[in-house]
């Protein structure tokens, strides 16, 4: 008979679970013990199985104390999940890897691995749990493979509006490809825990130096697919960076996570920025502002006015330093989904240049100077003027024209020449890191770029010589011929 376990006392579930299904609780779990007392012969087997689970990962003692504290302060959570490890920690939340003990009690449409051949597995012969059949014979049983989820504990210092906004956006994006869905959420007093799928992935810091252009193509196809789904809902992620896109190189897929800073387009600071007007209107208003400022005094004084009576411009500048678009730094009040595309361009620049982080500014002023050192003062002045700002600098090392993307990538990656596939990737990079947000590629446009539709298969490992790639192909073919001859001789 199918059973349904109610939510633990004191926890308010924000989403109702699906219809219940027969329970297949893990052998040795608290649910198996509740359903019936284990015999002495089974106790040792259950102990071995529990040891297998405990040996999955080496957990630091401080992390164990942290997980124990969560279980003690959040009543009932240990009845549903077995905390395994802490896998992430940020400004607004901490993320834990946990085993879902009630996986079989609910619909699991979110599970992309559901129905896979490795869903269930048989214990080793020495650790098989045996039950008696109808005639008393001993039969081995299969134990369900542990199902893992990610528990995101949102800090109590986060505003209730921010928490509600993140959960609502995640709920609205359910079913979107390459976007991490919200399974459910719990609240106990002032604590909120969101339950998300656990997605196995490789740390970006480990793989970014070994990425070939072909690997970048799979990476960004998945990322742009996620961004296209998000942007279709008029949602700005605002925090696109490698740690928020969990990529699995084995299946060549990734998922976009962490919508803590996300918002709907136009939801805040709805005042129209100068960039939203036609070019002739921008030019007229900028000239009027320039002459009204400079005609009052014959000479300009350095620095800021001591008592500036002008009202300060307010705009959302949330994001991670080094990944924020120029319109964010210039306090544009009409920010669009194109800010996410700039951040994706920074990731591509990081992969092509083999440097992480590529930009490492301490504040907005330094971030603007970093951009100016690449684009030059002329283009930076034009970009600032689009948003009603004036860009001035007297740093002698910042030129007027800037550098091309190919030259920058060659300098950053310490190579003399780029392959044809790398040149194709830099053309995509130029479309992503466009100072003018209205000329910048959208996620849909990026997926239609030649980098994906007509890829150039001319790839070498970092540090290799592009001119030697053809010779290496010929050598590989020769080696294959030699191997074929050897097989024939055998």
Protein backbone atom coordinates (compact mmCIF):
# COMPACT_ATOMS: atom_id res chain seq x y z
CA UNK A 1 0.00 0.00 0.00
CA UNK A 2 1.38 3.40 -0.96
CA UNK A 3 2.32 5.67 1.90
CA UNK A 4 2.89 9.38 2.08
CA UNK A 5 5.13 11.00 4.66
CA UNK A 6 3.92 14.42 5.81
CA UNK A 7 6.29 17.32 6.21
CA UNK A 8 8.16 17.37 9.52
CA UNK A 9 6.63 19.42 12.29
CA UNK A 10 7.65 23.05 12.26
CA UNK A 11 8.62 23.14 8.58
CA UNK A 12 6.47 24.94 6.05
CA UNK A 13 6.95 23.50 2.57
CA UNK A 14 6.59 26.16 -0.11
CA UNK A 15 5.56 23.69 -2.79
CA UNK A 16 3.36 20.65 -2.57
CA UNK A 17 5.02 17.38 -3.57
CA UNK A 18 3.70 15.18 -6.31
CA UNK A 19 1.67 12.04 -5.73
CA UNK A 20 3.23 9.55 -3.43
CA UNK A 21 4.71 6.30 -4.61
CA UNK A 22 5.71 3.10 -2.84
CA UNK A 23 8.74 3.63 -0.69
CA UNK A 24 12.03 1.92 -1.48
CA UNK A 25 14.00 3.25 1.45
CA UNK A 26 17.71 2.60 1.66
CA UNK A 27 18.67 -0.45 3.66
CA UNK A 28 20.00 0.70 6.96
CA UNK A 29 18.35 4.12 6.79
CA UNK A 30 16.12 5.47 9.53
CA UNK A 31 13.08 4.71 7.37
CA UNK A 32 13.99 1.05 7.02
CA UNK A 33 14.44 0.83 10.79
CA UNK A 34 11.07 2.48 11.38
CA UNK A 35 9.23 0.01 9.16
CA UNK A 36 10.56 -3.04 10.94
CA UNK A 37 13.23 -4.12 13.36
CA UNK A 38 16.34 -5.54 11.71
CA UNK A 39 17.62 -8.95 12.66
CA UNK A 40 21.10 -9.53 14.06
CA UNK A 41 22.24 -11.08 10.77
CA UNK A 42 21.17 -7.98 8.88
CA UNK A 43 22.78 -5.54 11.30
CA UNK A 44 26.33 -6.16 10.12
CA UNK A 45 25.29 -5.85 6.47
CA UNK A 46 23.51 -2.60 7.16
CA UNK A 47 26.57 -1.36 9.02
CA UNK A 48 28.76 -2.14 6.01
CA UNK A 49 26.38 -0.30 3.72
CA UNK A 50 26.38 2.73 5.96
CA UNK A 51 30.17 2.67 5.97
CA UNK A 52 30.13 2.68 2.17
CA UNK A 53 28.05 5.83 2.22
CA UNK A 54 30.22 7.52 4.81
CA UNK A 55 33.37 6.77 2.81
CA UNK A 56 32.08 8.58 -0.26
CA UNK A 57 33.87 11.81 0.55
CA UNK A 58 36.45 13.04 3.01
CA UNK A 59 34.74 15.72 5.06
CA UNK A 60 36.59 18.24 7.18
CA UNK A 61 35.71 18.35 10.87
CA UNK A 62 34.61 21.99 10.64
CA UNK A 63 32.24 21.05 7.83
CA UNK A 64 30.83 18.20 9.90
CA UNK A 65 30.16 20.61 12.76
CA UNK A 66 28.49 23.01 10.34
CA UNK A 67 26.21 20.28 8.99
CA UNK A 68 25.43 19.07 12.51
CA UNK A 69 24.46 22.61 13.46
CA UNK A 70 22.06 22.80 10.51
CA UNK A 71 20.43 19.52 11.50
CA UNK A 72 20.05 20.68 15.11
CA UNK A 73 18.64 24.12 14.29
CA UNK A 74 16.34 22.97 11.48
CA UNK A 75 14.03 20.32 12.99
CA UNK A 76 13.00 17.50 10.70
CA UNK A 77 15.50 18.13 7.93
CA UNK A 78 17.53 15.06 8.90
CA UNK A 79 14.41 12.93 8.40
CA UNK A 80 14.39 13.85 4.74
CA UNK A 81 18.03 14.37 3.83
CA UNK A 82 21.39 12.97 4.83
CA UNK A 83 23.98 15.74 4.60
CA UNK A 84 27.15 14.57 2.86
CA UNK A 85 29.40 17.59 2.41
CA UNK A 86 29.53 21.35 1.97
CA UNK A 87 30.06 22.11 -1.70
CA UNK A 88 29.70 25.87 -1.87
CA UNK A 89 29.71 29.00 0.24
CA UNK A 90 28.91 32.55 -0.79
CA UNK A 91 27.81 35.94 0.47
CA UNK A 92 24.14 35.05 0.82
CA UNK A 93 24.04 31.26 1.18
CA UNK A 94 25.79 27.95 1.77
CA UNK A 95 25.20 24.88 -0.39
CA UNK A 96 25.39 21.30 0.85
CA UNK A 97 25.38 18.00 -0.97
CA UNK A 98 22.76 15.72 0.55
CA UNK A 99 21.13 12.38 -0.11
CA UNK A 100 17.39 12.53 -0.72
CA UNK A 101 15.99 9.86 1.58
CA UNK A 102 12.43 10.30 0.29
CA UNK A 103 13.28 10.31 -3.40
CA UNK A 104 10.88 7.46 -4.21
CA UNK A 105 7.94 9.17 -2.50
CA UNK A 106 7.57 11.95 -5.08
CA UNK A 107 7.49 12.70 -8.77
CA UNK A 108 10.99 13.52 -9.92
CA UNK A 109 10.50 15.19 -13.27
CA UNK A 110 13.49 17.39 -12.51
CA UNK A 111 15.91 14.44 -12.49
CA UNK A 112 17.70 14.37 -15.84
CA UNK A 113 19.26 11.01 -14.91
CA UNK A 114 15.92 9.40 -14.08
CA UNK A 115 15.40 6.13 -15.90
CA UNK A 116 19.10 5.74 -16.63
CA UNK A 117 20.53 2.24 -16.69
CA UNK A 118 22.54 2.91 -13.54
CA UNK A 119 19.52 3.97 -11.51
CA UNK A 120 19.67 0.78 -9.47
CA UNK A 121 22.66 -1.31 -8.59
CA UNK A 122 23.43 -4.57 -6.85
CA UNK A 123 25.61 -4.68 -3.78
CA UNK A 124 28.89 -6.65 -3.92
CA UNK A 125 28.51 -10.36 -3.02
CA UNK A 126 29.95 -9.87 0.46
CA UNK A 127 27.57 -7.04 1.23
CA UNK A 128 24.32 -8.20 -0.35
CA UNK A 129 21.37 -8.06 1.94
CA UNK A 130 19.37 -11.28 1.74
CA UNK A 131 15.70 -11.86 2.33
CA UNK A 132 13.77 -15.09 2.48
CA UNK A 133 11.60 -16.09 -0.45
CA UNK A 134 8.29 -17.95 -0.35
CA UNK A 135 10.06 -21.30 0.12
CA UNK A 136 12.55 -19.97 2.63
CA UNK A 137 15.43 -19.63 0.18
CA UNK A 138 17.81 -16.71 0.57
CA UNK A 139 17.50 -14.11 -2.20
CA UNK A 140 19.76 -11.11 -2.88
CA UNK A 141 18.05 -7.72 -3.10
CA UNK A 142 18.92 -4.66 -5.12
CA UNK A 143 19.39 -1.37 -3.35
CA UNK A 144 18.46 1.87 -5.02
CA UNK A 145 21.40 4.05 -5.97
CA UNK A 146 21.64 7.05 -3.61
CA UNK A 147 20.00 10.14 -5.07
CA UNK A 148 21.72 13.41 -4.29
CA UNK A 149 20.36 16.92 -4.15
CA UNK A 150 21.82 20.31 -3.30
CA UNK A 151 20.49 22.05 -0.19
CA UNK A 152 20.91 25.80 -0.41
CA UNK A 153 20.69 27.36 3.03
CA UNK A 154 19.92 31.04 2.57
CA UNK A 155 21.34 33.24 5.31
CA UNK A 156 18.94 35.03 7.62
CA UNK A 157 20.68 38.31 6.70
CA UNK A 158 19.12 38.11 3.22
CA UNK A 159 16.04 40.24 2.78
CA UNK A 160 12.71 38.39 2.55
CA UNK A 161 12.09 40.04 -0.82
CA UNK A 162 15.37 38.68 -2.21
CA UNK A 163 14.53 35.17 -1.00
CA UNK A 164 11.01 35.30 -2.39
CA UNK A 165 12.26 36.70 -5.70
CA UNK A 166 14.84 33.93 -6.17
CA UNK A 167 12.36 31.15 -5.39
CA UNK A 168 9.71 32.62 -7.68
CA UNK A 169 12.13 32.98 -10.59
CA UNK A 170 13.41 29.44 -10.14
CA UNK A 171 9.84 28.17 -10.07
CA UNK A 172 8.99 30.06 -13.28
CA UNK A 173 12.06 28.64 -15.04
CA UNK A 174 11.21 25.01 -14.34
CA UNK A 175 11.44 22.98 -17.52
CA UNK A 176 13.97 25.30 -19.15
CA UNK A 177 16.89 23.43 -20.65
CA UNK A 178 20.28 23.84 -18.95
CA UNK A 179 18.71 25.78 -16.06
CA UNK A 180 18.82 24.31 -12.57
CA UNK A 181 15.19 23.87 -11.44
CA UNK A 182 13.75 24.33 -7.98
CA UNK A 183 12.59 21.02 -6.49
CA UNK A 184 11.01 22.46 -3.34
CA UNK A 185 11.79 24.73 -0.40
CA UNK A 186 11.35 24.66 3.38
CA UNK A 187 11.10 27.35 6.02
CA UNK A 188 11.57 27.07 9.76
CA UNK A 189 11.19 30.37 11.60
CA UNK A 190 13.69 32.69 9.89
CA UNK A 191 15.61 29.93 8.10
CA UNK A 192 14.94 29.02 4.47
CA UNK A 193 16.38 26.02 2.64
CA UNK A 194 15.92 25.54 -1.10
CA UNK A 195 16.22 22.03 -2.52
CA UNK A 196 17.91 21.89 -5.93
CA UNK A 197 19.21 19.03 -8.09
CA UNK A 198 22.81 18.00 -7.54
CA UNK A 199 24.68 18.18 -10.83
CA UNK A 200 28.10 16.48 -11.03
CA UNK A 201 30.59 18.86 -12.61
CA UNK A 202 34.27 19.72 -12.89
CA UNK A 203 35.80 22.76 -11.20
CA UNK A 204 36.43 25.49 -13.77
CA UNK A 205 39.83 26.23 -12.24
CA UNK A 206 40.94 22.70 -13.06
CA UNK A 207 39.79 22.56 -16.67
CA UNK A 208 40.11 26.08 -18.11
CA UNK A 209 43.77 25.65 -19.09
CA UNK A 210 43.11 22.39 -20.95
CA UNK A 211 40.01 23.50 -22.85
CA UNK A 212 40.33 23.11 -26.60
CA UNK A 213 38.19 25.25 -28.89
CA UNK A 214 35.98 22.22 -29.52
CA UNK A 215 35.39 21.98 -25.77
CA UNK A 216 34.56 25.70 -25.66
CA UNK A 217 31.98 25.11 -28.37
CA UNK A 218 30.12 22.54 -26.26
CA UNK A 219 30.48 24.70 -23.15
CA UNK A 220 29.01 27.84 -24.69
CA UNK A 221 26.32 26.07 -26.66
CA UNK A 222 24.98 24.81 -23.35
CA UNK A 223 25.45 28.19 -21.64
CA UNK A 224 23.77 30.17 -24.43
CA UNK A 225 20.91 27.66 -24.48
CA UNK A 226 20.37 28.34 -20.78
CA UNK A 227 20.61 32.11 -21.25
CA UNK A 228 18.20 31.99 -24.18
CA UNK A 229 15.65 30.22 -21.97
CA UNK A 230 16.16 32.71 -19.14
CA UNK A 231 16.04 35.78 -21.38
CA UNK A 232 12.85 34.58 -23.09
CA UNK A 233 11.21 35.07 -19.69
CA UNK A 234 12.65 38.63 -19.56
CA UNK A 235 14.86 37.65 -16.63
CA UNK A 236 18.35 39.04 -16.04
CA UNK A 237 20.63 36.61 -14.23
CA UNK A 238 23.10 39.38 -13.32
CA UNK A 239 25.78 37.00 -12.02
CA UNK A 240 27.04 34.94 -14.95
CA UNK A 241 30.46 33.51 -14.07
CA UNK A 242 32.18 30.10 -14.23
CA UNK A 243 31.18 29.06 -10.71
CA UNK A 244 27.51 29.67 -11.54
CA UNK A 245 27.55 27.45 -14.62
CA UNK A 246 28.18 23.86 -13.58
CA UNK A 247 29.67 22.12 -16.60
CA UNK A 248 30.17 18.38 -16.93
CA UNK A 249 32.73 17.67 -19.68
CA UNK A 250 31.80 13.99 -19.81
CA UNK A 251 28.27 14.63 -21.04
CA UNK A 252 29.14 18.06 -22.51
CA UNK A 253 26.26 19.73 -20.71
CA UNK A 254 25.99 22.32 -17.98
CA UNK A 255 23.35 23.92 -15.80
CA UNK A 256 22.94 27.56 -14.80
CA UNK A 257 22.59 28.07 -11.05
CA UNK A 258 22.37 30.80 -8.38
CA UNK A 259 19.58 33.23 -9.21
CA UNK A 260 20.12 35.20 -6.01
CA UNK A 261 20.77 38.46 -7.91
CA UNK A 262 18.39 37.78 -10.78
CA UNK A 263 15.51 40.11 -11.54
CA UNK A 264 12.92 40.73 -14.19
CA UNK A 265 13.85 43.22 -16.86
CA UNK A 266 12.66 46.70 -15.91
CA UNK A 267 11.62 45.69 -12.39
CA UNK A 268 13.93 48.23 -10.72
CA UNK A 269 15.27 51.66 -11.56
CA UNK A 270 12.79 52.11 -14.38
CA UNK A 271 14.03 55.61 -15.21
CA UNK A 272 14.96 55.86 -18.89
CA UNK A 273 18.68 56.05 -19.57
CA UNK A 274 20.11 58.22 -22.33
CA UNK A 275 21.10 55.08 -24.24
CA UNK A 276 17.43 54.28 -24.85
CA UNK A 277 17.04 57.41 -27.01
CA UNK A 278 18.01 57.78 -30.69
CA UNK A 279 21.60 58.78 -31.44
CA UNK A 280 20.75 62.37 -32.44
CA UNK A 281 18.92 62.92 -29.13
CA UNK A 282 21.87 61.54 -27.19
CA UNK A 283 24.28 63.82 -29.06
CA UNK A 284 22.16 66.92 -28.47
CA UNK A 285 21.67 66.30 -24.76
CA UNK A 286 25.33 65.43 -24.23
CA UNK A 287 26.54 68.61 -25.95
CA UNK A 288 24.10 70.68 -23.92
CA UNK A 289 25.37 69.13 -20.69
CA UNK A 290 29.00 69.57 -21.75
CA UNK A 291 28.74 73.27 -22.62
CA UNK A 292 26.67 74.10 -19.55
CA UNK A 293 29.43 72.59 -17.41
CA UNK A 294 32.49 74.00 -19.20
CA UNK A 295 31.33 77.50 -20.13
CA UNK A 296 30.94 78.58 -16.50
CA UNK A 297 34.69 78.37 -15.82
CA UNK A 298 37.62 78.94 -18.13
CA UNK A 299 39.81 76.35 -16.43
CA UNK A 300 38.98 72.91 -15.09
CA UNK A 301 40.03 71.89 -11.60
CA UNK A 302 41.09 68.34 -10.90
CA UNK A 303 39.11 66.09 -8.57
CA UNK A 304 35.50 66.11 -7.40
CA UNK A 305 33.50 69.10 -6.18
CA UNK A 306 33.57 69.34 -2.39
CA UNK A 307 29.85 70.09 -2.07
CA UNK A 308 28.27 68.60 -5.17
CA UNK A 309 24.57 69.53 -5.23
CA UNK A 310 23.76 67.33 -8.20
CA UNK A 311 21.58 64.31 -7.37
CA UNK A 312 23.43 61.01 -7.58
CA UNK A 313 22.32 58.50 -10.14
CA UNK A 314 20.91 55.27 -8.73
CA UNK A 315 21.20 52.04 -10.69
CA UNK A 316 21.56 48.36 -9.96
CA UNK A 317 25.27 47.49 -10.01
CA UNK A 318 24.93 43.99 -8.56
CA UNK A 319 27.23 41.32 -9.88
CA UNK A 320 30.70 39.85 -9.49
CA UNK A 321 33.68 42.08 -10.08
CA UNK A 322 35.41 41.36 -13.34
CA UNK A 323 32.21 40.13 -15.00
CA UNK A 324 30.03 43.25 -14.98
CA UNK A 325 29.13 44.92 -18.25
CA UNK A 326 30.18 48.53 -19.01
CA UNK A 327 26.60 49.79 -18.78
CA UNK A 328 26.49 48.45 -15.21
CA UNK A 329 29.66 50.38 -14.33
CA UNK A 330 28.26 53.52 -15.99
CA UNK A 331 25.08 53.19 -13.88
CA UNK A 332 22.70 52.69 -16.77
CA UNK A 333 19.09 52.71 -15.59
CA UNK A 334 17.86 50.77 -18.65
CA UNK A 335 19.86 47.58 -18.27
CA UNK A 336 18.79 44.64 -20.42
CA UNK A 337 19.57 40.94 -20.71
CA UNK A 338 22.66 41.92 -22.72
CA UNK A 339 24.58 42.34 -19.47
CA UNK A 340 24.59 38.55 -19.16
CA UNK A 341 26.06 38.22 -22.65
CA UNK A 342 28.97 40.47 -21.70
CA UNK A 343 29.68 38.23 -18.70
CA UNK A 344 29.62 35.18 -20.98
CA UNK A 345 32.13 36.99 -23.19
CA UNK A 346 34.45 37.41 -20.20
CA UNK A 347 34.32 33.64 -19.66
CA UNK A 348 35.24 33.08 -23.32
CA UNK A 349 38.10 35.58 -23.00
CA UNK A 350 39.28 33.70 -19.91
CA UNK A 351 39.33 30.41 -21.81
CA UNK A 352 41.05 31.84 -24.88
CA UNK A 353 43.57 33.81 -22.83
CA UNK A 354 44.17 30.98 -20.33
CA UNK A 355 43.98 33.47 -17.45
CA UNK A 356 41.57 33.31 -14.54
CA UNK A 357 40.45 35.74 -13.41
CA UNK A 358 41.12 37.88 -16.45
CA UNK A 359 39.84 41.08 -14.85
CA UNK A 360 40.70 41.62 -11.20
CA UNK A 361 39.56 45.09 -10.20
CA UNK A 362 38.96 46.20 -6.63
CA UNK A 363 36.23 48.75 -7.42
CA UNK A 364 34.25 50.31 -10.28
CA UNK A 365 36.97 52.84 -11.12
CA UNK A 366 39.61 50.14 -11.54
CA UNK A 367 37.18 48.04 -13.57
CA UNK A 368 36.59 50.96 -15.94
CA UNK A 369 40.34 51.49 -16.33
CA UNK A 370 40.80 47.79 -17.13
CA UNK A 371 38.28 48.11 -19.94
CA UNK A 372 39.92 51.31 -21.18
CA UNK A 373 43.30 49.57 -21.40
CA UNK A 374 41.71 47.16 -23.91
CA UNK A 375 39.26 49.34 -25.84
CA UNK A 376 41.15 52.65 -25.71
CA UNK A 377 39.98 56.07 -24.55
CA UNK A 378 38.13 56.93 -27.76
CA UNK A 379 35.69 54.02 -27.57
CA UNK A 380 35.32 54.36 -23.80
CA UNK A 381 34.31 58.01 -24.16
CA UNK A 382 31.71 57.01 -26.73
CA UNK A 383 30.40 54.25 -24.46
CA UNK A 384 30.19 56.60 -21.48
CA UNK A 385 28.39 59.24 -23.54
CA UNK A 386 25.71 56.68 -24.45
CA UNK A 387 24.69 56.61 -20.80
CA UNK A 388 25.06 60.33 -20.16
CA UNK A 389 28.47 59.99 -18.54
CA UNK A 390 31.87 61.52 -19.31
CA UNK A 391 34.98 59.36 -19.29
CA UNK A 392 38.32 61.09 -18.72
CA UNK A 393 41.71 59.70 -17.76
CA UNK A 394 45.29 60.95 -17.78
CA UNK A 395 46.97 57.55 -17.38
CA UNK A 396 49.71 57.59 -20.03
CA UNK A 397 49.70 53.82 -20.63
CA UNK A 398 46.10 53.85 -21.86
CA UNK A 399 46.11 54.46 -25.59
CA UNK A 400 43.47 56.05 -27.73
CA UNK A 401 42.73 53.16 -30.08
CA UNK A 402 43.10 50.08 -27.90
CA UNK A 403 43.89 46.57 -29.11
CA UNK A 404 42.28 43.97 -31.34
CA UNK A 405 40.92 40.80 -29.73
CA UNK A 406 43.33 38.59 -31.65
CA UNK A 407 46.32 40.57 -30.42
CA UNK A 408 45.01 40.50 -26.86
CA UNK A 409 44.40 36.74 -26.90
CA UNK A 410 47.86 36.06 -28.33
CA UNK A 411 49.43 38.21 -25.62
CA UNK A 412 47.41 36.63 -22.81
CA UNK A 413 47.93 33.02 -23.92
CA UNK A 414 51.61 33.55 -24.82
CA UNK A 415 51.33 32.17 -28.36
CA UNK A 416 52.76 33.59 -31.56
CA UNK A 417 49.83 32.73 -33.80
CA UNK A 418 46.20 31.65 -33.37
CA UNK A 419 44.65 28.67 -35.09
CA UNK A 420 41.75 29.20 -37.49
CA UNK A 421 39.35 27.83 -34.89
CA UNK A 422 40.70 30.27 -32.28
CA UNK A 423 40.28 33.15 -34.74
CA UNK A 424 36.69 32.07 -35.24
CA UNK A 425 36.21 32.07 -31.47
CA UNK A 426 37.65 35.60 -31.23
CA UNK A 427 35.07 36.78 -33.76
CA UNK A 428 32.38 35.46 -31.43
CA UNK A 429 34.20 37.17 -28.57
CA UNK A 430 34.05 40.51 -30.39
CA UNK A 431 30.28 40.18 -30.69
CA UNK A 432 29.86 39.34 -27.01
CA UNK A 433 32.16 42.01 -25.59
CA UNK A 434 30.69 44.92 -27.53
CA UNK A 435 30.58 48.16 -25.52
CA UNK A 436 27.26 49.15 -27.09
CA UNK A 437 24.61 46.85 -25.56
CA UNK A 438 22.32 47.38 -28.56
CA UNK A 439 25.01 45.99 -30.90
CA UNK A 440 25.98 43.15 -28.58
CA UNK A 441 24.93 39.63 -29.52
CA UNK A 442 21.89 38.16 -27.82
CA UNK A 443 21.83 34.53 -26.71
CA UNK A 444 19.79 33.61 -29.76
CA UNK A 445 22.17 35.47 -32.08
CA UNK A 446 25.16 33.82 -30.46
CA UNK A 447 23.74 30.35 -31.11
CA UNK A 448 23.45 31.30 -34.80
CA UNK A 449 27.07 32.44 -34.98
CA UNK A 450 29.45 30.66 -37.35
CA UNK A 451 31.30 29.37 -34.31
CA UNK A 452 28.40 26.93 -33.82
CA UNK A 453 26.79 26.67 -37.27
CA UNK A 454 29.98 26.35 -39.34
CA UNK A 455 32.77 25.34 -36.96
CA UNK A 456 36.38 25.22 -38.08
CA UNK A 457 38.02 22.02 -36.89
CA UNK A 458 41.59 23.28 -36.59
CA UNK A 459 42.52 22.76 -32.98
CA UNK A 460 45.76 22.25 -31.09
CA UNK A 461 46.52 21.97 -27.41
CA UNK A 462 47.67 25.08 -25.59
CA UNK A 463 51.35 25.63 -26.22
CA UNK A 464 51.32 23.71 -29.50
CA UNK A 465 52.33 25.15 -32.86
CA UNK A 466 49.38 25.67 -35.24
CA UNK A 467 51.68 25.09 -38.23
CA UNK A 468 52.52 21.65 -36.89
CA UNK A 469 48.88 20.60 -36.62
CA UNK A 470 48.71 19.39 -40.23
CA UNK A 471 51.92 17.42 -39.78
CA UNK A 472 50.57 15.88 -36.58
CA UNK A 473 47.44 14.75 -38.42
CA UNK A 474 49.59 13.12 -41.10
CA UNK A 475 51.69 11.43 -38.42
CA UNK A 476 48.55 10.12 -36.72
CA UNK A 477 47.32 8.69 -40.00
CA UNK A 478 50.74 7.11 -40.58
CA UNK A 479 50.64 5.60 -37.09
CA UNK A 480 47.21 4.16 -37.82
CA UNK A 481 48.55 2.60 -41.03
CA UNK A 482 51.47 1.09 -39.09
CA UNK A 483 49.07 -0.30 -36.50
CA UNK A 484 46.96 -1.81 -39.27
CA UNK A 485 50.04 -3.45 -40.77
CA UNK A 486 50.99 -4.86 -37.37
CA UNK A 487 47.51 -6.29 -36.91
CA UNK A 488 47.65 -7.82 -40.37
CA UNK A 489 51.00 -9.40 -39.58
CA UNK A 490 49.68 -10.87 -36.34
